């Protein structure tokens, strides 16, 4: 809905004498182009806020996302290709390991807290703290 409003606003910015010269098909194509621009501009994180202040309206817009302009993509690709493949592969694998380990720990803690909340006792008279201490002693 917001994209349609934005497209209509852009269309209204075309001078009236030029808008009157456009055929129905040209008007539809222009609106479709404005809608495509709005869709391509969408980013994964988008925050828009309007603040009324002393009889005026102020707005704040925060967009976060990857820059997809052709010049930026070409620059990023050139920078990436300067780094040797082995270093890039090591970095990606380390990052993957870090993400998977983090998600694994979060999943484990979530299951542990759920088990504790439900009152399920898998190992009577033992707690996670006891197992961690045993593991630390075993490593030492």
Protein backbone atom coordinates (compact mmCIF):
# COMPACT_ATOMS: atom_id res chain seq x y z
CA UNK A 1 0.00 0.00 0.00
CA UNK A 2 2.80 2.41 0.92
CA UNK A 3 4.53 1.63 -2.38
CA UNK A 4 1.38 2.51 -4.32
CA UNK A 5 1.06 5.80 -2.41
CA UNK A 6 4.71 6.55 -3.14
CA UNK A 7 4.22 5.77 -6.84
CA UNK A 8 1.16 8.01 -7.01
CA UNK A 9 3.12 10.78 -5.29
CA UNK A 10 5.94 10.47 -7.83
CA UNK A 11 3.41 10.51 -10.67
CA UNK A 12 1.81 13.66 -9.21
CA UNK A 13 5.22 15.36 -9.34
CA UNK A 14 5.20 15.17 -13.15
CA UNK A 15 4.08 18.57 -14.47
CA UNK A 16 0.38 18.69 -15.38
CA UNK A 17 0.97 19.73 -18.99
CA UNK A 18 3.15 16.63 -19.50
CA UNK A 19 0.75 14.29 -17.66
CA UNK A 20 -2.10 15.44 -19.90
CA UNK A 21 -0.11 14.44 -22.98
CA UNK A 22 0.34 10.83 -21.79
CA UNK A 23 -1.95 8.12 -23.11
CA UNK A 24 -3.60 5.65 -20.72
CA UNK A 25 -1.00 3.02 -21.59
CA UNK A 26 1.85 5.46 -20.98
CA UNK A 27 0.33 6.44 -17.62
CA UNK A 28 0.09 2.78 -16.59
CA UNK A 29 3.66 2.07 -17.71
CA UNK A 30 4.92 5.10 -15.80
CA UNK A 31 3.08 4.01 -12.65
CA UNK A 32 4.45 0.46 -13.07
CA UNK A 33 7.97 1.85 -13.38
CA UNK A 34 7.48 3.86 -10.18
CA UNK A 35 6.14 0.76 -8.41
CA UNK A 36 9.14 -1.32 -9.56
CA UNK A 37 11.46 1.39 -8.25
CA UNK A 38 9.70 1.23 -4.89
CA UNK A 39 9.97 -2.57 -4.77
CA UNK A 40 13.67 -2.54 -5.66
CA UNK A 41 14.34 0.03 -2.97
CA UNK A 42 12.99 -2.18 -0.19
CA UNK A 43 15.57 -3.21 2.34
CA UNK A 44 15.59 -5.93 4.98
CA UNK A 45 15.40 -3.38 7.81
CA UNK A 46 13.25 -0.33 7.31
CA UNK A 47 12.20 2.12 10.03
CA UNK A 48 10.11 5.18 9.28
CA UNK A 49 8.71 7.51 11.92
CA UNK A 50 6.90 10.85 11.90
CA UNK A 51 7.08 13.22 14.86
CA UNK A 52 4.74 16.18 15.35
CA UNK A 53 6.65 19.03 16.95
CA UNK A 54 5.46 22.63 17.37
CA UNK A 55 2.83 22.54 14.62
CA UNK A 56 5.19 20.89 12.13
CA UNK A 57 5.83 17.30 11.18
CA UNK A 58 9.35 15.91 11.13
CA UNK A 59 10.23 12.50 9.80
CA UNK A 60 13.06 10.07 10.33
CA UNK A 61 13.92 7.23 7.97
CA UNK A 62 16.44 4.46 8.64
CA UNK A 63 17.10 1.86 5.96
CA UNK A 64 19.61 -0.91 6.43
CA UNK A 65 20.54 -3.35 3.73
CA UNK A 66 23.08 -4.25 1.13
CA UNK A 67 24.00 -1.63 -1.46
CA UNK A 68 23.04 -3.18 -4.80
CA UNK A 69 24.09 -0.42 -7.18
CA UNK A 70 26.18 -1.67 -10.10
CA UNK A 71 29.20 0.46 -9.21
CA UNK A 72 29.20 -0.79 -5.62
CA UNK A 73 28.75 -4.42 -6.63
CA UNK A 74 31.68 -4.13 -9.06
CA UNK A 75 33.87 -2.54 -6.37
CA UNK A 76 32.95 -5.24 -3.85
CA UNK A 77 33.69 -7.99 -6.35
CA UNK A 78 37.10 -6.47 -7.17
CA UNK A 79 37.97 -6.24 -3.46
CA UNK A 80 36.82 -9.80 -2.83
CA UNK A 81 38.89 -11.17 -5.71
CA UNK A 82 42.05 -9.53 -4.36
CA UNK A 83 41.90 -11.79 -1.30
CA UNK A 84 43.28 -15.29 -2.03
CA UNK A 85 40.70 -18.06 -2.28
CA UNK A 86 42.19 -20.02 0.62
CA UNK A 87 41.85 -17.06 3.00
CA UNK A 88 38.29 -16.38 1.84
CA UNK A 89 37.38 -20.05 2.30
CA UNK A 90 38.91 -20.11 5.79
CA UNK A 91 37.03 -16.93 6.73
CA UNK A 92 33.70 -18.26 5.45
CA UNK A 93 34.17 -21.60 7.23
CA UNK A 94 35.12 -19.86 10.49
CA UNK A 95 32.08 -17.63 10.19
CA UNK A 96 29.85 -20.63 9.45
CA UNK A 97 31.28 -22.48 12.47
CA UNK A 98 30.68 -19.45 14.69
CA UNK A 99 27.06 -19.06 13.52
CA UNK A 100 26.26 -22.78 13.84
CA UNK A 101 27.88 -22.98 17.29
CA UNK A 102 25.95 -19.93 18.45
CA UNK A 103 22.65 -21.36 17.20
CA UNK A 104 23.49 -24.72 18.75
CA UNK A 105 24.16 -23.14 22.14
CA UNK A 106 20.99 -21.07 21.91
CA UNK A 107 18.96 -24.17 21.01
CA UNK A 108 20.53 -26.13 23.88
CA UNK A 109 19.84 -23.36 26.39
CA UNK A 110 16.29 -22.98 25.11
CA UNK A 111 15.63 -26.70 25.50
CA UNK A 112 17.29 -26.72 28.93
CA UNK A 113 15.17 -23.80 30.15
CA UNK A 114 12.04 -25.41 28.73
CA UNK A 115 12.90 -28.66 30.51
CA UNK A 116 13.49 -26.79 33.76
CA UNK A 117 10.26 -24.80 33.40
CA UNK A 118 8.24 -27.97 32.83
CA UNK A 119 9.91 -29.64 35.83
CA UNK A 120 11.38 -32.53 33.88
CA UNK A 121 14.33 -34.08 35.71
CA UNK A 122 16.42 -36.17 33.30
CA UNK A 123 19.24 -36.91 35.75
CA UNK A 124 18.01 -37.01 39.36
CA UNK A 125 20.21 -35.12 41.86
CA UNK A 126 22.34 -33.58 39.05
CA UNK A 127 22.20 -30.15 37.45
CA UNK A 128 23.89 -28.62 34.43
CA UNK A 129 26.36 -26.92 36.75
CA UNK A 130 27.52 -30.34 38.01
CA UNK A 131 28.10 -31.59 34.46
CA UNK A 132 30.05 -28.44 33.55
CA UNK A 133 32.29 -28.91 36.61
CA UNK A 134 32.88 -32.57 35.70
CA UNK A 135 33.75 -31.56 32.14
CA UNK A 136 36.19 -28.88 33.33
CA UNK A 137 37.87 -31.40 35.66
CA UNK A 138 38.08 -33.94 32.84
CA UNK A 139 39.77 -31.39 30.54
CA UNK A 140 42.28 -30.29 33.21
